[in-house]
Amino acid sequence: MEVALAATVLALTLVGMIGVVESGSQMLDLSRKQTIATQILHSEIDQLRTQSWATITGFSGLTPVLGQGYAALTTLTTANDPSFALFAANYPNAAAIFTLTRAVACIDPSQSNPNPFSNYGQSPLLLQVTFTIQWKGVTGRSYSRATTTLVGKDGLSDVYQKS
């Protein structure tokens, strides 16, 4: 009887330990991917800060279409974003996990509707650029991180991050 009880206690302990190891590996995966996502976002902001105003306002989809304003959202890939392409070249397996998007909204000139598809009467002076990165963890749960910066024609630049 004592041997059977000891074997039961040992079996329950082993099952508990397996659960702890599995939970720990999930947390480690999430932590690793959050760190990589944050590095990608910081890289995008740094790349944006080094660009001229003409380059920023000339981003694919940013040139206003008559009566439509600016494109609201662009998915960044290795083909249209040099910073993400460099990351993908160094970490090809990790790059396939993440989806990176850039959203642009015109802050100045002010408009009654902040939707970037509104009509503009003049060229933008202040843009709000938001980079969002999304991925799935080993459990299949979706995660995302976002960083927003304000970029002005005369050099105004501010960044905040929201997770």
C-alpha atoms as a PDB file:
ATOM      1  CA  MET A   1       0.000   0.000   0.000  1.00  0.00           C
ATOM      2  CA  GLU A   2       2.824   2.380   0.861  1.00  0.00           C
ATOM      3  CA  VAL A   3       4.560   1.695  -2.467  1.00  0.00           C
ATOM      4  CA  ALA A   4       1.337   2.399  -4.398  1.00  0.00           C
ATOM      5  CA  LEU A   5       0.826   5.679  -2.518  1.00  0.00           C
ATOM      6  CA  ALA A   6       4.449   6.720  -3.125  1.00  0.00           C
ATOM      7  CA  ALA A   7       4.109   5.889  -6.848  1.00  0.00           C
ATOM      8  CA  THR A   8       0.917   7.987  -7.062  1.00  0.00           C
ATOM      9  CA  VAL A   9       2.586  10.969  -5.373  1.00  0.00           C
ATOM     10  CA  LEU A  10       5.593  10.637  -7.709  1.00  0.00           C
ATOM     11  CA  ALA A  11       3.327  10.439 -10.784  1.00  0.00           C
ATOM     12  CA  LEU A  12       1.393  13.573  -9.730  1.00  0.00           C
ATOM     13  CA  THR A  13       4.646  15.423  -9.092  1.00  0.00           C
ATOM     14  CA  LEU A  14       5.973  14.511 -12.537  1.00  0.00           C
ATOM     15  CA  VAL A  15       2.733  15.637 -14.230  1.00  0.00           C
ATOM     16  CA  GLY A  16       2.963  18.965 -12.375  1.00  0.00           C
ATOM     17  CA  MET A  17       6.599  19.420 -13.377  1.00  0.00           C
ATOM     18  CA  ILE A  18       5.758  18.778 -17.037  1.00  0.00           C
ATOM     19  CA  GLY A  19       3.082  21.488 -16.842  1.00  0.00           C
ATOM     20  CA  VAL A  20       5.561  23.940 -15.323  1.00  0.00           C
ATOM     21  CA  VAL A  21       8.128  23.233 -18.059  1.00  0.00           C
ATOM     22  CA  GLU A  22       5.485  23.707 -20.770  1.00  0.00           C
ATOM     23  CA  SER A  23       4.287  26.981 -19.238  1.00  0.00           C
ATOM     24  CA  GLY A  24       7.865  28.193 -18.899  1.00  0.00           C
ATOM     25  CA  SER A  25       8.638  27.450 -22.543  1.00  0.00           C
ATOM     26  CA  GLN A  26       5.520  29.380 -23.620  1.00  0.00           C
ATOM     27  CA  MET A  27       6.574  32.385 -21.535  1.00  0.00           C
ATOM     28  CA  LEU A  28      10.101  32.200 -22.916  1.00  0.00           C
ATOM     29  CA  ASP A  29       8.756  32.130 -26.492  1.00  0.00           C
ATOM     30  CA  LEU A  30       6.522  35.142 -25.802  1.00  0.00           C
ATOM     31  CA  SER A  31       9.354  37.074 -24.167  1.00  0.00           C
ATOM     32  CA  ARG A  32      11.716  36.351 -27.055  1.00  0.00           C
ATOM     33  CA  LYS A  33       9.161  37.423 -29.673  1.00  0.00           C
ATOM     34  CA  GLN A  34       8.242  40.577 -27.730  1.00  0.00           C
ATOM     35  CA  THR A  35      11.898  41.558 -27.636  1.00  0.00           C
ATOM     36  CA  ILE A  36      12.321  40.980 -31.370  1.00  0.00           C
ATOM     37  CA  ALA A  37       9.100  42.895 -32.115  1.00  0.00           C
ATOM     38  CA  THR A  38      10.275  45.851 -30.023  1.00  0.00           C
ATOM     39  CA  GLN A  39      13.632  45.865 -31.819  1.00  0.00           C
ATOM     40  CA  ILE A  40      11.888  45.891 -35.202  1.00  0.00           C
ATOM     41  CA  LEU A  41       9.651  48.791 -34.134  1.00  0.00           C
ATOM     42  CA  HIS A  42      12.597  50.809 -32.837  1.00  0.00           C
ATOM     43  CA  SER A  43      14.461  50.140 -36.066  1.00  0.00           C
ATOM     44  CA  GLU A  44      11.516  51.437 -38.104  1.00  0.00           C
ATOM     45  CA  ILE A  45      11.299  54.623 -36.011  1.00  0.00           C
ATOM     46  CA  ASP A  46      15.057  55.176 -36.321  1.00  0.00           C
ATOM     47  CA  GLN A  47      14.868  54.656 -40.077  1.00  0.00           C
ATOM     48  CA  LEU A  48      11.967  57.132 -40.293  1.00  0.00           C
ATOM     49  CA  ARG A  49      13.908  59.777 -38.372  1.00  0.00           C
ATOM     50  CA  THR A  50      16.809  59.626 -40.825  1.00  0.00           C
ATOM     51  CA  GLN A  51      14.587  60.256 -43.856  1.00  0.00           C
ATOM     52  CA  SER A  52      14.048  63.646 -45.455  1.00  0.00           C
ATOM     53  CA  TRP A  53      10.570  65.198 -45.489  1.00  0.00           C
ATOM     54  CA  ALA A  54      10.360  64.625 -49.248  1.00  0.00           C
ATOM     55  CA  THR A  55      11.092  60.918 -48.734  1.00  0.00           C
ATOM     56  CA  ILE A  56       8.553  60.579 -45.908  1.00  0.00           C
ATOM     57  CA  THR A  57       5.774  62.271 -47.859  1.00  0.00           C
ATOM     58  CA  GLY A  58       6.732  60.207 -50.901  1.00  0.00           C
ATOM     59  CA  PHE A  59       6.194  56.829 -49.206  1.00  0.00           C
ATOM     60  CA  SER A  60       4.284  54.381 -51.336  1.00  0.00           C
ATOM     61  CA  GLY A  61       0.639  55.313 -51.023  1.00  0.00           C
ATOM     62  CA  LEU A  62       1.295  58.642 -49.317  1.00  0.00           C
ATOM     63  CA  THR A  63       1.024  60.858 -52.377  1.00  0.00           C
ATOM     64  CA  PRO A  64      -2.487  62.260 -52.240  1.00  0.00           C
ATOM     65  CA  VAL A  65      -4.837  60.978 -54.888  1.00  0.00           C
ATOM     66  CA  LEU A  66      -7.081  63.771 -56.084  1.00  0.00           C
ATOM     67  CA  GLY A  67      -9.945  63.990 -53.622  1.00  0.00           C
ATOM     68  CA  GLN A  68      -8.848  60.958 -51.570  1.00  0.00           C
ATOM     69  CA  GLY A  69      -6.003  62.072 -49.300  1.00  0.00           C
ATOM     70  CA  TYR A  70      -3.356  59.629 -48.088  1.00  0.00           C
ATOM     71  CA  ALA A  71      -3.399  55.850 -47.947  1.00  0.00           C
ATOM     72  CA  ALA A  72      -4.227  54.815 -44.401  1.00  0.00           C
ATOM     73  CA  LEU A  73      -2.304  51.570 -44.066  1.00  0.00           C
ATOM     74  CA  THR A  74       0.651  49.912 -45.765  1.00  0.00           C
ATOM     75  CA  THR A  75       1.914  46.407 -45.008  1.00  0.00           C
ATOM     76  CA  LEU A  76       5.701  46.520 -44.947  1.00  0.00           C
ATOM     77  CA  THR A  77       7.617  43.662 -46.495  1.00  0.00           C
ATOM     78  CA  THR A  78      11.194  42.913 -47.399  1.00  0.00           C
ATOM     79  CA  ALA A  79      10.451  44.316 -50.860  1.00  0.00           C
ATOM     80  CA  ASN A  80       9.232  47.759 -49.761  1.00  0.00           C
ATOM     81  CA  ASP A  81      11.075  48.366 -46.484  1.00  0.00           C
ATOM     82  CA  PRO A  82      14.894  48.271 -46.234  1.00  0.00           C
ATOM     83  CA  SER A  83      14.952  47.991 -42.433  1.00  0.00           C
ATOM     84  CA  PHE A  84      12.641  44.955 -42.407  1.00  0.00           C
ATOM     85  CA  ALA A  85      14.582  43.472 -45.340  1.00  0.00           C
ATOM     86  CA  LEU A  86      17.817  43.699 -43.330  1.00  0.00           C
ATOM     87  CA  PHE A  87      16.149  41.989 -40.374  1.00  0.00           C
ATOM     88  CA  ALA A  88      14.787  39.236 -42.637  1.00  0.00           C
ATOM     89  CA  ALA A  89      18.211  38.695 -44.179  1.00  0.00           C
ATOM     90  CA  ASN A  90      19.759  38.179 -40.731  1.00  0.00           C
ATOM     91  CA  TYR A  91      16.876  36.205 -39.202  1.00  0.00           C
ATOM     92  CA  PRO A  92      14.916  34.541 -42.017  1.00  0.00           C
ATOM     93  CA  ASN A  93      12.946  32.165 -39.784  1.00  0.00           C
ATOM     94  CA  ALA A  94      11.929  34.887 -37.352  1.00  0.00           C
ATOM     95  CA  ALA A  95      10.983  37.357 -40.091  1.00  0.00           C
ATOM     96  CA  ALA A  96       8.318  34.996 -41.408  1.00  0.00           C
ATOM     97  CA  ILE A  97       6.526  35.107 -38.048  1.00  0.00           C
ATOM     98  CA  PHE A  98       5.893  38.869 -37.930  1.00  0.00           C
ATOM     99  CA  THR A  99       3.522  41.113 -39.902  1.00  0.00           C
ATOM    100  CA  LEU A 100       4.524  44.786 -39.925  1.00  0.00           C
ATOM    101  CA  THR A 101       2.222  47.636 -40.946  1.00  0.00           C
ATOM    102  CA  ARG A 102       2.601  51.410 -41.185  1.00  0.00           C
ATOM    103  CA  ALA A 103      -0.386  53.713 -40.720  1.00  0.00           C
ATOM    104  CA  VAL A 104      -0.137  57.386 -41.638  1.00  0.00           C
ATOM    105  CA  ALA A 105      -2.526  60.158 -40.649  1.00  0.00           C
ATOM    106  CA  CYS A 106      -2.254  63.860 -41.376  1.00  0.00           C
ATOM    107  CA  ILE A 107      -2.386  65.907 -38.159  1.00  0.00           C
ATOM    108  CA  ASP A 108      -1.690  69.345 -39.674  1.00  0.00           C
ATOM    109  CA  PRO A 109      -3.398  70.870 -41.558  1.00  0.00           C
ATOM    110  CA  SER A 110      -6.159  69.949 -39.162  1.00  0.00           C
ATOM    111  CA  GLN A 111      -9.218  68.332 -40.620  1.00  0.00           C
ATOM    112  CA  SER A 112     -12.657  67.683 -39.241  1.00  0.00           C
ATOM    113  CA  ASN A 113     -12.306  63.969 -39.960  1.00  0.00           C
ATOM    114  CA  PRO A 114      -8.930  62.492 -38.899  1.00  0.00           C
ATOM    115  CA  ASN A 115      -9.393  59.671 -41.416  1.00  0.00           C
ATOM    116  CA  PRO A 116      -6.460  59.936 -43.823  1.00  0.00           C
ATOM    117  CA  PHE A 117      -8.821  59.433 -46.758  1.00  0.00           C
ATOM    118  CA  SER A 118     -10.253  62.942 -46.223  1.00  0.00           C
ATOM    119  CA  ASN A 119      -9.661  65.673 -48.763  1.00  0.00           C
ATOM    120  CA  TYR A 120      -6.691  67.972 -48.219  1.00  0.00           C
ATOM    121  CA  GLY A 121      -6.522  71.553 -49.359  1.00  0.00           C
ATOM    122  CA  GLN A 122      -2.741  71.813 -48.886  1.00  0.00           C
ATOM    123  CA  SER A 123       0.364  69.730 -48.338  1.00  0.00           C
ATOM    124  CA  PRO A 124       0.807  68.120 -44.900  1.00  0.00           C
ATOM    125  CA  LEU A 125       2.959  69.784 -42.270  1.00  0.00           C
ATOM    126  CA  LEU A 126       2.665  67.176 -39.506  1.00  0.00           C
ATOM    127  CA  LEU A 127       2.116  63.441 -39.950  1.00  0.00           C
ATOM    128  CA  GLN A 128       1.387  60.792 -37.352  1.00  0.00           C
ATOM    129  CA  VAL A 129       3.062  57.510 -38.288  1.00  0.00           C
ATOM    130  CA  THR A 130       2.169  54.337 -36.401  1.00  0.00           C
ATOM    131  CA  PHE A 131       4.044  51.073 -36.854  1.00  0.00           C
ATOM    132  CA  THR A 132       2.227  47.948 -35.669  1.00  0.00           C
ATOM    133  CA  ILE A 133       3.740  44.487 -35.529  1.00  0.00           C
ATOM    134  CA  GLN A 134       1.701  41.325 -35.058  1.00  0.00           C
ATOM    135  CA  TRP A 135       2.593  37.689 -34.479  1.00  0.00           C
ATOM    136  CA  LYS A 136       1.244  34.456 -33.039  1.00  0.00           C
ATOM    137  CA  GLY A 137       2.712  32.660 -30.062  1.00  0.00           C
ATOM    138  CA  VAL A 138       3.298  28.919 -29.795  1.00  0.00           C
ATOM    139  CA  THR A 139      -0.188  28.574 -28.313  1.00  0.00           C
ATOM    140  CA  GLY A 140      -1.763  30.216 -31.374  1.00  0.00           C
ATOM    141  CA  ARG A 141      -2.719  33.378 -29.492  1.00  0.00           C
ATOM    142  CA  SER A 142      -2.232  36.641 -31.425  1.00  0.00           C
ATOM    143  CA  TYR A 143      -0.065  39.431 -30.030  1.00  0.00           C
ATOM    144  CA  SER A 144       0.763  42.925 -31.235  1.00  0.00           C
ATOM    145  CA  ARG A 145       2.847  45.941 -30.336  1.00  0.00           C
ATOM    146  CA  ALA A 146       2.610  49.460 -31.741  1.00  0.00           C
ATOM    147  CA  THR A 147       4.797  52.548 -31.774  1.00  0.00           C
ATOM    148  CA  THR A 148       3.656  55.988 -32.891  1.00  0.00           C
ATOM    149  CA  THR A 149       5.711  58.995 -33.872  1.00  0.00           C
ATOM    150  CA  LEU A 150       4.878  62.486 -35.034  1.00  0.00           C
ATOM    151  CA  VAL A 151       6.957  63.705 -37.935  1.00  0.00           C
ATOM    152  CA  GLY A 152       6.902  67.371 -38.913  1.00  0.00           C
ATOM    153  CA  LYS A 153       8.036  69.155 -42.015  1.00  0.00           C
ATOM    154  CA  ASP A 154      10.381  71.308 -39.964  1.00  0.00           C
ATOM    155  CA  GLY A 155      11.825  68.480 -37.894  1.00  0.00           C
ATOM    156  CA  LEU A 156       9.341  67.929 -35.069  1.00  0.00           C
ATOM    157  CA  SER A 157       9.639  64.322 -33.955  1.00  0.00           C
ATOM    158  CA  ASP A 158       8.161  62.613 -30.901  1.00  0.00           C
ATOM    159  CA  VAL A 159       7.646  58.920 -30.146  1.00  0.00           C
ATOM    160  CA  TYR A 160       5.483  56.941 -27.759  1.00  0.00           C
ATOM    161  CA  GLN A 161       4.965  53.222 -27.521  1.00  0.00           C
ATOM    162  CA  LYS A 162       1.779  51.384 -26.673  1.00  0.00           C
ATOM    163  CA  SER A 163       1.694  47.657 -26.015  1.00  0.00           C
END
